[in-house]
Amino acid sequence: MLSVEEVRSQCLDAMGQKLGAMYCDLNDHLLDVLLMWKQYEQLFGVDQETVQVLNTSAPTFFGVIQAQLWDAVMLGMSRLTDSPINSQQKNLSIRAIPPLIEDLEVRAQMDEAVAAALADTKFARDHRNKRIAHIDLLHIQNRAANPLPSGSRDKIKAGLDSICVALEILNGHYRESTMLYDDLIYDGGAGSVVSLLRGGLKHRECEVEN
């Protein structure tokens, strides 16, 4: 297996310094967001029995974890699709990719993929701007008249998938490779916590019965 440094070197060689560095940095941040989303899914997106284990074990704690992971994923999606330049700084964003691509056909594909990702993640940026990164006073004081777009696991999955598709265009064209984001394995994650909690609850039930 190639090291992180070796993969980055390959990307820089295949894509050029600016585009290769942009791809690697975006991919690293996307993997961080996918890691958080995987933890959320393992805790709250498996089945009702798993949720019941969490509620029986520590309902307040896992309620906080659920809310924080949800917002962290939407914040991560927002950052990855932000404007590449604001009044104060340059930002790492998939929107900065197309101008770095010399091949016009590939650039057109990327433009289309970025547009799709922006549409699929707009709800997350709305939440970021009004509720997560800032507390919009108008929204807080009159939520009924200024509602935020609804969020769902399907929407978050679609937004993440769209960002993956954009980066895969570069990976496929320049490196003739596929990242297989859906097949990434995160050992020692939230699933392990659920297993330990399930075992602990069974042990406690046995003690009560005896």
N, C-alpha and C. Protein backbone atom coordinates (compact mmCIF):
# COMPACT_ATOMS: atom_id res chain seq x y z
N MET A 1 0.84 -1.19 0.00
CA MET A 1 0.00 0.00 0.00
C MET A 1 0.88 1.25 0.00
N LEU A 2 0.50 2.22 -0.83
CA LEU A 2 1.28 3.44 -0.93
C LEU A 2 1.07 4.32 0.30
N SER A 3 2.10 5.02 0.70
CA SER A 3 1.99 5.96 1.81
C SER A 3 1.27 7.22 1.33
N VAL A 4 0.86 8.05 2.28
CA VAL A 4 0.21 9.31 1.94
C VAL A 4 1.14 10.17 1.09
N GLU A 5 2.41 10.20 1.45
CA GLU A 5 3.38 11.00 0.72
C GLU A 5 3.55 10.49 -0.72
N GLU A 6 3.54 9.17 -0.88
CA GLU A 6 3.70 8.59 -2.22
C GLU A 6 2.49 8.89 -3.09
N VAL A 7 1.30 8.81 -2.51
CA VAL A 7 0.09 9.12 -3.26
C VAL A 7 0.10 10.59 -3.69
N ARG A 8 0.47 11.47 -2.77
CA ARG A 8 0.53 12.89 -3.10
C ARG A 8 1.54 13.15 -4.22
N SER A 9 2.67 12.49 -4.16
CA SER A 9 3.69 12.67 -5.19
C SER A 9 3.15 12.21 -6.55
N GLN A 10 2.42 11.10 -6.57
CA GLN A 10 1.82 10.62 -7.82
C GLN A 10 0.83 11.63 -8.38
N CYS A 11 0.02 12.20 -7.50
CA CYS A 11 -0.98 13.19 -7.94
C CYS A 11 -0.32 14.43 -8.52
N LEU A 12 0.74 14.89 -7.87
CA LEU A 12 1.45 16.07 -8.36
C LEU A 12 2.09 15.80 -9.72
N ASP A 13 2.63 14.59 -9.88
CA ASP A 13 3.24 14.23 -11.15
C ASP A 13 2.19 14.13 -12.26
N ALA A 14 1.03 13.55 -11.94
CA ALA A 14 0.02 13.30 -12.96
C ALA A 14 -0.79 14.55 -13.30
N MET A 15 -1.07 15.38 -12.31
CA MET A 15 -1.97 16.52 -12.50
C MET A 15 -1.26 17.85 -12.59
N GLY A 16 0.01 17.89 -12.24
CA GLY A 16 0.71 19.16 -12.13
C GLY A 16 0.67 19.66 -10.70
N GLN A 17 1.52 20.58 -10.37
CA GLN A 17 1.69 21.01 -8.98
C GLN A 17 0.42 21.63 -8.41
N LYS A 18 -0.16 22.61 -9.08
CA LYS A 18 -1.31 23.32 -8.51
C LYS A 18 -2.55 22.43 -8.45
N LEU A 19 -2.87 21.79 -9.55
CA LEU A 19 -4.06 20.94 -9.58
C LEU A 19 -3.88 19.72 -8.69
N GLY A 20 -2.69 19.12 -8.72
CA GLY A 20 -2.45 17.95 -7.89
C GLY A 20 -2.52 18.26 -6.41
N ALA A 21 -1.97 19.40 -6.00
CA ALA A 21 -2.04 19.79 -4.60
C ALA A 21 -3.48 20.08 -4.19
N MET A 22 -4.23 20.74 -5.08
CA MET A 22 -5.63 21.05 -4.79
C MET A 22 -6.43 19.76 -4.62
N TYR A 23 -6.21 18.81 -5.53
CA TYR A 23 -6.93 17.54 -5.43
C TYR A 23 -6.61 16.83 -4.12
N CYS A 24 -5.34 16.73 -3.77
CA CYS A 24 -4.94 16.00 -2.56
C CYS A 24 -5.51 16.65 -1.30
N ASP A 25 -5.44 17.97 -1.23
CA ASP A 25 -5.95 18.66 -0.05
C ASP A 25 -7.46 18.52 0.07
N LEU A 26 -8.16 18.64 -1.05
CA LEU A 26 -9.61 18.46 -1.04
C LEU A 26 -9.98 17.03 -0.67
N ASN A 27 -9.25 16.07 -1.21
CA ASN A 27 -9.53 14.67 -0.91
C ASN A 27 -9.32 14.38 0.57
N ASP A 28 -8.27 14.94 1.15
CA ASP A 28 -8.00 14.74 2.58
C ASP A 28 -9.15 15.27 3.43
N HIS A 29 -9.63 16.46 3.10
CA HIS A 29 -10.73 17.04 3.88
C HIS A 29 -12.04 16.29 3.64
N LEU A 30 -12.24 15.83 2.41
CA LEU A 30 -13.44 15.03 2.14
C LEU A 30 -13.42 13.74 2.94
N LEU A 31 -12.27 13.10 3.03
CA LEU A 31 -12.17 11.87 3.82
C LEU A 31 -12.48 12.13 5.30
N ASP A 32 -12.08 13.29 5.81
CA ASP A 32 -12.42 13.65 7.19
C ASP A 32 -13.93 13.74 7.38
N VAL A 33 -14.60 14.37 6.41
CA VAL A 33 -16.06 14.52 6.51
C VAL A 33 -16.75 13.16 6.37
N LEU A 34 -16.25 12.34 5.45
CA LEU A 34 -16.82 11.00 5.28
C LEU A 34 -16.63 10.16 6.53
N LEU A 35 -15.50 10.34 7.20
CA LEU A 35 -15.26 9.63 8.46
C LEU A 35 -16.31 10.01 9.50
N MET A 36 -16.59 11.30 9.63
CA MET A 36 -17.61 11.74 10.58
C MET A 36 -18.98 11.18 10.19
N TRP A 37 -19.29 11.19 8.89
CA TRP A 37 -20.58 10.68 8.45
C TRP A 37 -20.71 9.18 8.71
N LYS A 38 -19.63 8.47 8.53
CA LYS A 38 -19.65 7.03 8.81
C LYS A 38 -19.95 6.77 10.29
N GLN A 39 -19.37 7.60 11.17
CA GLN A 39 -19.66 7.44 12.60
C GLN A 39 -21.14 7.70 12.88
N TYR A 40 -21.67 8.73 12.23
CA TYR A 40 -23.09 9.05 12.41
C TYR A 40 -23.95 7.86 11.97
N GLU A 41 -23.66 7.33 10.80
CA GLU A 41 -24.45 6.22 10.27
C GLU A 41 -24.37 4.99 11.17
N GLN A 42 -23.17 4.70 11.69
CA GLN A 42 -23.01 3.53 12.54
C GLN A 42 -23.77 3.67 13.85
N LEU A 43 -23.95 4.90 14.29
CA LEU A 43 -24.68 5.12 15.54
C LEU A 43 -26.18 5.26 15.33
N PHE A 44 -26.57 6.05 14.33
CA PHE A 44 -27.97 6.45 14.22
C PHE A 44 -28.65 6.02 12.93
N GLY A 45 -27.92 5.40 12.03
CA GLY A 45 -28.50 5.05 10.74
C GLY A 45 -28.54 3.58 10.44
N VAL A 46 -28.32 2.74 11.44
CA VAL A 46 -28.32 1.29 11.20
C VAL A 46 -29.73 0.73 11.34
N ASP A 47 -30.26 0.76 12.54
CA ASP A 47 -31.61 0.28 12.79
C ASP A 47 -32.09 0.82 14.13
N GLN A 48 -33.37 0.62 14.42
CA GLN A 48 -33.95 1.15 15.64
C GLN A 48 -33.39 0.45 16.88
N GLU A 49 -32.99 -0.80 16.74
CA GLU A 49 -32.43 -1.53 17.88
C GLU A 49 -31.13 -0.89 18.35
N THR A 50 -30.31 -0.44 17.39
CA THR A 50 -29.06 0.23 17.74
C THR A 50 -29.34 1.55 18.45
N VAL A 51 -30.30 2.30 17.94
CA VAL A 51 -30.67 3.57 18.59
C VAL A 51 -31.17 3.31 20.00
N GLN A 52 -31.90 2.23 20.19
CA GLN A 52 -32.40 1.91 21.53
C GLN A 52 -31.25 1.59 22.49
N VAL A 53 -30.22 0.92 21.99
CA VAL A 53 -29.03 0.65 22.81
C VAL A 53 -28.42 1.96 23.28
N LEU A 54 -28.31 2.93 22.39
CA LEU A 54 -27.73 4.23 22.75
C LEU A 54 -28.62 4.96 23.76
N ASN A 55 -29.93 4.94 23.52
CA ASN A 55 -30.84 5.63 24.42
C ASN A 55 -30.88 4.99 25.80
N THR A 56 -30.71 3.69 25.85
CA THR A 56 -30.70 3.00 27.14
C THR A 56 -29.40 3.26 27.89
N SER A 57 -28.30 3.37 27.13
CA SER A 57 -26.98 3.52 27.75
C SER A 57 -26.73 4.93 28.25
N ALA A 58 -26.89 5.92 27.38
CA ALA A 58 -26.59 7.31 27.75
C ALA A 58 -27.33 8.25 26.81
N PRO A 59 -28.62 8.43 27.02
CA PRO A 59 -29.44 9.20 26.06
C PRO A 59 -28.99 10.65 25.88
N THR A 60 -28.62 11.33 26.97
CA THR A 60 -28.20 12.72 26.84
C THR A 60 -26.91 12.83 26.06
N PHE A 61 -25.94 12.00 26.38
CA PHE A 61 -24.65 12.03 25.70
C PHE A 61 -24.81 11.77 24.22
N PHE A 62 -25.53 10.72 23.86
CA PHE A 62 -25.66 10.39 22.44
C PHE A 62 -26.58 11.37 21.71
N GLY A 63 -27.47 12.06 22.43
CA GLY A 63 -28.23 13.13 21.81
C GLY A 63 -27.32 14.27 21.39
N VAL A 64 -26.36 14.61 22.26
CA VAL A 64 -25.38 15.64 21.92
C VAL A 64 -24.50 15.20 20.76
N ILE A 65 -24.04 13.96 20.80
CA ILE A 65 -23.19 13.43 19.73
C ILE A 65 -23.93 13.44 18.39
N GLN A 66 -25.19 13.07 18.41
CA GLN A 66 -25.97 13.06 17.18
C GLN A 66 -26.05 14.46 16.57
N ALA A 67 -26.38 15.45 17.39
CA ALA A 67 -26.51 16.82 16.89
C ALA A 67 -25.17 17.37 16.40
N GLN A 68 -24.11 17.08 17.14
CA GLN A 68 -22.80 17.62 16.78
C GLN A 68 -22.24 16.99 15.51
N LEU A 69 -22.40 15.69 15.36
CA LEU A 69 -21.93 15.02 14.14
C LEU A 69 -22.71 15.51 12.93
N TRP A 70 -24.01 15.66 13.10
CA TRP A 70 -24.87 16.14 12.00
C TRP A 70 -24.41 17.51 11.51
N ASP A 71 -24.22 18.42 12.45
CA ASP A 71 -23.79 19.77 12.09
C ASP A 71 -22.36 19.79 11.54
N ALA A 72 -21.50 18.95 12.09
CA ALA A 72 -20.11 18.90 11.62
C ALA A 72 -20.03 18.44 10.17
N VAL A 73 -20.86 17.48 9.81
CA VAL A 73 -20.88 17.00 8.42
C VAL A 73 -21.40 18.08 7.49
N MET A 74 -22.47 18.77 7.88
CA MET A 74 -23.00 19.85 7.03
C MET A 74 -22.00 20.99 6.92
N LEU A 75 -21.29 21.27 8.01
CA LEU A 75 -20.25 22.30 7.96
C LEU A 75 -19.13 21.89 7.01
N GLY A 76 -18.72 20.63 7.07
CA GLY A 76 -17.67 20.14 6.18
C GLY A 76 -18.07 20.20 4.73
N MET A 77 -19.32 19.82 4.42
CA MET A 77 -19.82 19.91 3.04
C MET A 77 -19.83 21.35 2.57
N SER A 78 -20.21 22.27 3.46
CA SER A 78 -20.27 23.68 3.11
C SER A 78 -18.88 24.21 2.77
N ARG A 79 -17.91 23.85 3.58
CA ARG A 79 -16.54 24.32 3.33
C ARG A 79 -16.01 23.82 1.99
N LEU A 80 -16.29 22.58 1.67
CA LEU A 80 -15.78 21.99 0.44
C LEU A 80 -16.42 22.59 -0.80
N THR A 81 -17.56 23.27 -0.64
CA THR A 81 -18.25 23.86 -1.79
C THR A 81 -18.36 25.37 -1.68
N ASP A 82 -17.59 25.97 -0.81
CA ASP A 82 -17.60 27.42 -0.62
C ASP A 82 -17.02 28.15 -1.83
N SER A 83 -17.22 29.46 -1.83
CA SER A 83 -16.55 30.29 -2.84
C SER A 83 -15.04 30.16 -2.66
N PRO A 84 -14.29 30.02 -3.74
CA PRO A 84 -12.84 29.85 -3.61
C PRO A 84 -12.11 31.10 -3.13
N ILE A 85 -12.80 32.25 -3.21
CA ILE A 85 -12.18 33.50 -2.76
C ILE A 85 -13.25 34.34 -2.06
N ASN A 86 -12.92 34.84 -0.89
CA ASN A 86 -13.76 35.86 -0.27
C ASN A 86 -12.92 37.12 -0.06
N SER A 87 -13.47 38.06 0.66
CA SER A 87 -12.80 39.36 0.77
C SER A 87 -11.48 39.30 1.52
N GLN A 88 -11.27 38.24 2.28
CA GLN A 88 -10.09 38.18 3.14
C GLN A 88 -9.08 37.09 2.76
N GLN A 89 -9.54 36.05 2.06
CA GLN A 89 -8.63 34.92 1.86
C GLN A 89 -9.09 34.04 0.71
N LYS A 90 -8.19 33.13 0.29
CA LYS A 90 -8.54 32.08 -0.64
C LYS A 90 -8.99 30.86 0.17
N ASN A 91 -9.96 30.12 -0.36
CA ASN A 91 -10.49 28.96 0.34
C ASN A 91 -10.26 27.68 -0.46
N LEU A 92 -10.07 26.59 0.26
CA LEU A 92 -10.00 25.28 -0.36
C LEU A 92 -11.41 24.86 -0.72
N SER A 93 -11.68 24.70 -2.00
CA SER A 93 -13.04 24.40 -2.45
C SER A 93 -12.99 23.72 -3.81
N ILE A 94 -13.97 22.85 -4.06
CA ILE A 94 -14.03 22.22 -5.38
C ILE A 94 -14.31 23.25 -6.47
N ARG A 95 -14.82 24.41 -6.09
CA ARG A 95 -15.10 25.46 -7.06
C ARG A 95 -13.81 26.10 -7.60
N ALA A 96 -12.70 25.82 -6.94
CA ALA A 96 -11.42 26.34 -7.41
C ALA A 96 -10.76 25.42 -8.43
N ILE A 97 -11.33 24.24 -8.66
CA ILE A 97 -10.69 23.26 -9.54
C ILE A 97 -10.76 23.63 -11.02
N PRO A 98 -11.93 23.95 -11.58
CA PRO A 98 -12.02 24.10 -13.04
C PRO A 98 -10.99 25.03 -13.68
N PRO A 99 -10.69 26.21 -13.12
CA PRO A 99 -9.69 27.07 -13.78
C PRO A 99 -8.29 26.46 -13.85
N LEU A 100 -8.03 25.44 -13.04
CA LEU A 100 -6.71 24.81 -13.04
C LEU A 100 -6.58 23.70 -14.08
N ILE A 101 -7.69 23.35 -14.73
CA ILE A 101 -7.70 22.24 -15.69
C ILE A 101 -7.48 22.78 -17.10
N GLU A 102 -6.43 22.32 -17.76
CA GLU A 102 -6.12 22.80 -19.12
C GLU A 102 -6.95 22.10 -20.18
N ASP A 103 -7.24 20.82 -19.98
CA ASP A 103 -8.04 20.06 -20.93
C ASP A 103 -9.48 20.58 -20.90
N LEU A 104 -9.93 21.15 -22.01
CA LEU A 104 -11.25 21.78 -22.03
C LEU A 104 -12.39 20.78 -21.83
N GLU A 105 -12.22 19.57 -22.33
CA GLU A 105 -13.27 18.57 -22.16
C GLU A 105 -13.39 18.17 -20.69
N VAL A 106 -12.26 17.96 -20.05
CA VAL A 106 -12.27 17.61 -18.63
C VAL A 106 -12.80 18.79 -17.81
N ARG A 107 -12.43 20.01 -18.19
CA ARG A 107 -12.92 21.19 -17.47
C ARG A 107 -14.44 21.29 -17.57
N ALA A 108 -14.98 20.97 -18.75
CA ALA A 108 -16.44 21.02 -18.91
C ALA A 108 -17.11 19.98 -18.01
N GLN A 109 -16.53 18.79 -17.94
CA GLN A 109 -17.07 17.76 -17.04
C GLN A 109 -17.03 18.23 -15.59
N MET A 110 -15.92 18.87 -15.23
CA MET A 110 -15.79 19.35 -13.85
C MET A 110 -16.77 20.48 -13.56
N ASP A 111 -16.96 21.38 -14.50
CA ASP A 111 -17.94 22.46 -14.32
C ASP A 111 -19.32 21.88 -14.03
N GLU A 112 -19.69 20.85 -14.78
CA GLU A 112 -21.00 20.22 -14.59
C GLU A 112 -21.09 19.53 -13.23
N ALA A 113 -20.01 18.85 -12.85
CA ALA A 113 -20.00 18.15 -11.56
C ALA A 113 -20.04 19.12 -10.39
N VAL A 114 -19.31 20.23 -10.51
CA VAL A 114 -19.30 21.24 -9.45
C VAL A 114 -20.69 21.87 -9.32
N ALA A 115 -21.32 22.16 -10.44
CA ALA A 115 -22.67 22.74 -10.40
C ALA A 115 -23.65 21.80 -9.70
N ALA A 116 -23.53 20.51 -9.99
CA ALA A 116 -24.40 19.52 -9.35
C ALA A 116 -24.13 19.46 -7.85
N ALA A 117 -22.85 19.50 -7.48
CA ALA A 117 -22.49 19.46 -6.05
C ALA A 117 -23.00 20.69 -5.33
N LEU A 118 -22.92 21.85 -5.96
CA LEU A 118 -23.42 23.08 -5.35
C LEU A 118 -24.92 22.99 -5.10
N ALA A 119 -25.64 22.44 -6.07
CA ALA A 119 -27.09 22.29 -5.91
C ALA A 119 -27.42 21.30 -4.79
N ASP A 120 -26.68 20.20 -4.74
CA ASP A 120 -26.98 19.14 -3.76
C ASP A 120 -26.59 19.53 -2.34
N THR A 121 -25.70 20.51 -2.20
CA THR A 121 -25.23 20.89 -0.86
C THR A 121 -25.75 22.26 -0.43
N LYS A 122 -26.61 22.89 -1.22
CA LYS A 122 -27.10 24.23 -0.87
C LYS A 122 -27.79 24.23 0.49
N PHE A 123 -28.57 23.20 0.79
CA PHE A 123 -29.27 23.15 2.07
C PHE A 123 -28.28 23.19 3.24
N ALA A 124 -27.13 22.54 3.06
CA ALA A 124 -26.13 22.52 4.14
C ALA A 124 -25.52 23.90 4.33
N ARG A 125 -25.24 24.61 3.23
CA ARG A 125 -24.67 25.96 3.36
C ARG A 125 -25.68 26.91 3.99
N ASP A 126 -26.96 26.73 3.70
CA ASP A 126 -27.99 27.55 4.34
C ASP A 126 -27.99 27.34 5.85
N HIS A 127 -27.88 26.09 6.28
CA HIS A 127 -27.82 25.80 7.71
C HIS A 127 -26.54 26.36 8.32
N ARG A 128 -25.42 26.24 7.59
CA ARG A 128 -24.16 26.78 8.08
C ARG A 128 -24.25 28.28 8.29
N ASN A 129 -24.81 28.98 7.30
CA ASN A 129 -24.84 30.44 7.35
C ASN A 129 -25.81 30.98 8.40
N LYS A 130 -26.93 30.28 8.59
CA LYS A 130 -27.98 30.79 9.47
C LYS A 130 -27.93 30.22 10.88
N ARG A 131 -27.34 29.03 11.05
CA ARG A 131 -27.50 28.35 12.33
C ARG A 131 -26.21 27.78 12.92
N ILE A 132 -25.33 27.25 12.10
CA ILE A 132 -24.16 26.53 12.62
C ILE A 132 -22.99 27.48 12.86
N ALA A 133 -22.53 28.14 11.81
CA ALA A 133 -21.39 29.04 11.95
C ALA A 133 -21.81 30.40 12.50
N HIS A 134 -23.05 30.79 12.24
CA HIS A 134 -23.58 32.06 12.71
C HIS A 134 -24.97 31.81 13.30
N ILE A 135 -25.43 32.74 14.13
CA ILE A 135 -26.78 32.65 14.67
C ILE A 135 -27.56 33.82 14.07
N ASP A 136 -28.24 33.56 12.98
CA ASP A 136 -28.98 34.60 12.29
C ASP A 136 -30.16 35.06 13.14
N LEU A 137 -30.17 36.33 13.50
CA LEU A 137 -31.17 36.84 14.43
C LEU A 137 -32.57 36.75 13.85
N LEU A 138 -32.73 37.09 12.58
CA LEU A 138 -34.05 37.04 11.95
C LEU A 138 -34.60 35.63 11.96
N HIS A 139 -33.74 34.66 11.67
CA HIS A 139 -34.18 33.27 11.68
C HIS A 139 -34.56 32.81 13.08
N ILE A 140 -33.73 33.14 14.07
CA ILE A 140 -33.97 32.71 15.43
C ILE A 140 -35.26 33.30 15.98
N GLN A 141 -35.50 34.56 15.72
CA GLN A 141 -36.65 35.24 16.31
C GLN A 141 -37.94 35.03 15.55
N ASN A 142 -37.84 34.54 14.31
CA ASN A 142 -39.06 34.30 13.54
C ASN A 142 -38.85 33.11 12.61
N ARG A 143 -38.68 31.96 13.23
CA ARG A 143 -38.37 30.75 12.46
C ARG A 143 -39.50 30.35 11.52
N ALA A 144 -40.73 30.59 11.94
CA ALA A 144 -41.87 30.19 11.10
C ALA A 144 -41.87 30.94 9.77
N ALA A 145 -41.50 32.21 9.81
CA ALA A 145 -41.48 33.01 8.58
C ALA A 145 -40.18 32.86 7.81
N ASN A 146 -39.14 32.37 8.49
CA ASN A 146 -37.83 32.22 7.85
C ASN A 146 -37.29 30.81 8.08
N PRO A 147 -38.01 29.80 7.59
CA PRO A 147 -37.56 28.43 7.84
C PRO A 147 -36.34 28.06 7.01
N LEU A 148 -35.52 27.18 7.56
CA LEU A 148 -34.39 26.65 6.82
C LEU A 148 -34.83 25.43 6.02
N PRO A 149 -34.15 25.14 4.91
CA PRO A 149 -34.50 23.94 4.14
C PRO A 149 -34.31 22.69 4.99
N SER A 150 -35.20 21.75 4.80
CA SER A 150 -35.12 20.52 5.58
C SER A 150 -33.87 19.73 5.22
N GLY A 151 -33.34 19.02 6.21
CA GLY A 151 -32.19 18.14 5.98
C GLY A 151 -32.59 16.70 6.23
N SER A 152 -31.90 15.80 5.62
CA SER A 152 -32.17 14.37 5.81
C SER A 152 -30.91 13.59 5.51
N ARG A 153 -30.89 12.33 5.93
CA ARG A 153 -29.73 11.49 5.63
C ARG A 153 -29.57 11.32 4.12
N ASP A 154 -30.67 11.23 3.40
CA ASP A 154 -30.59 11.10 1.95
C ASP A 154 -29.97 12.33 1.32
N LYS A 155 -30.33 13.51 1.83
CA LYS A 155 -29.76 14.75 1.28
C LYS A 155 -28.27 14.83 1.56
N ILE A 156 -27.88 14.48 2.77
CA ILE A 156 -26.45 14.53 3.10
C ILE A 156 -25.68 13.53 2.25
N LYS A 157 -26.22 12.33 2.10
CA LYS A 157 -25.55 11.32 1.28
C LYS A 157 -25.42 11.80 -0.17
N ALA A 158 -26.47 12.42 -0.69
CA ALA A 158 -26.42 12.92 -2.07
C ALA A 158 -25.38 14.03 -2.21
N GLY A 159 -25.29 14.92 -1.22
CA GLY A 159 -24.30 15.98 -1.27
C GLY A 159 -22.88 15.45 -1.24
N LEU A 160 -22.63 14.51 -0.34
CA LEU A 160 -21.30 13.91 -0.25
C LEU A 160 -20.96 13.15 -1.53
N ASP A 161 -21.92 12.44 -2.07
CA ASP A 161 -21.68 11.69 -3.31
C ASP A 161 -21.31 12.64 -4.45
N SER A 162 -21.98 13.80 -4.50
CA SER A 162 -21.69 14.76 -5.57
C SER A 162 -20.27 15.29 -5.48
N ILE A 163 -19.80 15.54 -4.26
CA ILE A 163 -18.42 16.01 -4.09
C ILE A 163 -17.45 14.91 -4.50
N CYS A 164 -17.77 13.67 -4.12
CA CYS A 164 -16.93 12.53 -4.52
C CYS A 164 -16.84 12.41 -6.03
N VAL A 165 -17.98 12.59 -6.71
CA VAL A 165 -18.01 12.49 -8.17
C VAL A 165 -17.08 13.52 -8.80
N ALA A 166 -17.09 14.73 -8.26
CA ALA A 166 -16.24 15.79 -8.81
C ALA A 166 -14.76 15.41 -8.69
N LEU A 167 -14.36 14.94 -7.53
CA LEU A 167 -12.95 14.58 -7.36
C LEU A 167 -12.58 13.34 -8.17
N GLU A 168 -13.54 12.44 -8.37
CA GLU A 168 -13.25 11.24 -9.14
C GLU A 168 -12.99 11.54 -10.61
N ILE A 169 -13.52 12.67 -11.09
CA ILE A 169 -13.22 13.06 -12.47
C ILE A 169 -11.72 13.27 -12.64
N LEU A 170 -11.12 13.95 -11.68
CA LEU A 170 -9.67 14.16 -11.73
C LEU A 170 -8.91 12.86 -11.55
N ASN A 171 -9.30 12.10 -10.56
CA ASN A 171 -8.62 10.85 -10.27
C ASN A 171 -8.69 9.90 -11.46
N GLY A 172 -9.86 9.83 -12.09
CA GLY A 172 -10.04 8.92 -13.21
C GLY A 172 -9.28 9.37 -14.45
N HIS A 173 -9.31 10.66 -14.73
CA HIS A 173 -8.68 11.16 -15.95
C HIS A 173 -7.16 11.16 -15.85
N TYR A 174 -6.64 11.70 -14.77
CA TYR A 174 -5.19 11.89 -14.66
C TYR A 174 -4.45 10.67 -14.12
N ARG A 175 -5.10 9.89 -13.28
CA ARG A 175 -4.42 8.75 -12.66
C ARG A 175 -4.99 7.41 -13.10
N GLU A 176 -6.09 7.46 -13.87
CA GLU A 176 -6.77 6.23 -14.31
C GLU A 176 -7.02 5.32 -13.12
N SER A 177 -7.52 5.92 -12.06
CA SER A 177 -7.75 5.21 -10.81
C SER A 177 -9.12 5.57 -10.26
N THR A 178 -9.60 4.75 -9.33
CA THR A 178 -10.89 5.00 -8.67
C THR A 178 -10.69 4.97 -7.18
N MET A 179 -11.24 5.94 -6.48
CA MET A 179 -11.04 6.06 -5.04
C MET A 179 -11.90 5.08 -4.25
N LEU A 180 -13.11 4.75 -4.76
CA LEU A 180 -14.03 3.83 -4.07
C LEU A 180 -14.34 4.33 -2.66
N TYR A 181 -14.86 5.56 -2.59
CA TYR A 181 -15.15 6.18 -1.31
C TYR A 181 -16.11 5.33 -0.46
N ASP A 182 -17.09 4.71 -1.11
CA ASP A 182 -18.10 3.94 -0.36
C ASP A 182 -17.52 2.70 0.30
N ASP A 183 -16.36 2.25 -0.19
CA ASP A 183 -15.78 1.01 0.34
C ASP A 183 -14.67 1.26 1.36
N LEU A 184 -14.45 2.51 1.74
CA LEU A 184 -13.42 2.81 2.72
C LEU A 184 -13.77 2.18 4.07
N ILE A 185 -12.77 1.63 4.74
CA ILE A 185 -12.98 0.94 6.02
C ILE A 185 -12.42 1.80 7.15
N TYR A 186 -13.25 2.02 8.14
CA TYR A 186 -12.81 2.79 9.31
C TYR A 186 -12.89 1.89 10.54
N ASP A 187 -11.79 1.22 10.85
CA ASP A 187 -11.77 0.33 12.01
C ASP A 187 -11.80 1.12 13.31
N GLY A 188 -12.35 0.50 14.35
CA GLY A 188 -12.33 1.12 15.66
C GLY A 188 -13.24 2.32 15.78
N GLY A 189 -14.28 2.37 14.97
CA GLY A 189 -15.17 3.51 14.99
C GLY A 189 -16.37 3.30 15.89
N ALA A 190 -17.45 4.01 15.56
CA ALA A 190 -18.64 4.01 16.40
C ALA A 190 -19.28 2.62 16.49
N GLY A 191 -19.11 1.81 15.46
CA GLY A 191 -19.67 0.47 15.51
C GLY A 191 -19.10 -0.34 16.65
N SER A 192 -17.83 -0.12 16.96
CA SER A 192 -17.20 -0.82 18.08
C SER A 192 -17.79 -0.37 19.41
N VAL A 193 -18.12 0.91 19.51
CA VAL A 193 -18.75 1.44 20.72
C VAL A 193 -20.12 0.79 20.93
N VAL A 194 -20.87 0.69 19.85
CA VAL A 194 -22.21 0.07 19.95
C VAL A 194 -22.09 -1.37 20.41
N SER A 195 -21.12 -2.11 19.87
CA SER A 195 -20.94 -3.50 20.28
C SER A 195 -20.61 -3.61 21.76
N LEU A 196 -19.74 -2.74 22.24
CA LEU A 196 -19.39 -2.75 23.66
C LEU A 196 -20.59 -2.40 24.53
N LEU A 197 -21.36 -1.42 24.11
CA LEU A 197 -22.55 -1.04 24.88
C LEU A 197 -23.58 -2.16 24.89
N ARG A 198 -23.76 -2.81 23.76
CA ARG A 198 -24.72 -3.91 23.69
C ARG A 198 -24.31 -5.04 24.63
N GLY A 199 -23.00 -5.34 24.65
CA GLY A 199 -22.51 -6.37 25.57
C GLY A 199 -22.67 -5.96 27.02
N GLY A 200 -22.41 -4.68 27.32
CA GLY A 200 -22.56 -4.21 28.68
C GLY A 200 -24.00 -4.26 29.16
N LEU A 201 -24.94 -3.93 28.29
CA LEU A 201 -26.35 -3.98 28.67
C LEU A 201 -26.81 -5.42 28.92
N LYS A 202 -26.32 -6.34 28.11
CA LYS A 202 -26.67 -7.75 28.33
C LYS A 202 -26.11 -8.24 29.67
N HIS A 203 -24.87 -7.81 29.96
CA HIS A 203 -24.27 -8.19 31.24
C HIS A 203 -25.08 -7.63 32.41
N ARG A 204 -25.53 -6.40 32.27
CA ARG A 204 -26.31 -5.78 33.35
C ARG A 204 -27.65 -6.50 33.51
N GLU A 205 -28.25 -6.91 32.43
CA GLU A 205 -29.51 -7.66 32.51
C GLU A 205 -29.32 -8.97 33.23
N CYS A 206 -28.20 -9.63 32.96
CA CYS A 206 -27.94 -10.91 33.64
C CYS A 206 -27.75 -10.69 35.13
N GLU A 207 -27.06 -9.61 35.50
CA GLU A 207 -26.86 -9.33 36.92
C GLU A 207 -28.18 -9.06 37.62
N VAL A 208 -29.08 -8.33 36.93
CA VAL A 208 -30.39 -8.03 37.53
C VAL A 208 -31.21 -9.30 37.71
N GLU A 209 -31.15 -10.18 36.73
CA GLU A 209 -31.91 -11.44 36.81
C GLU A 209 -31.40 -12.34 37.91
N ASN A 210 -30.08 -12.27 38.15
CA ASN A 210 -29.51 -13.13 39.19
C ASN A 210 -29.54 -12.47 40.56
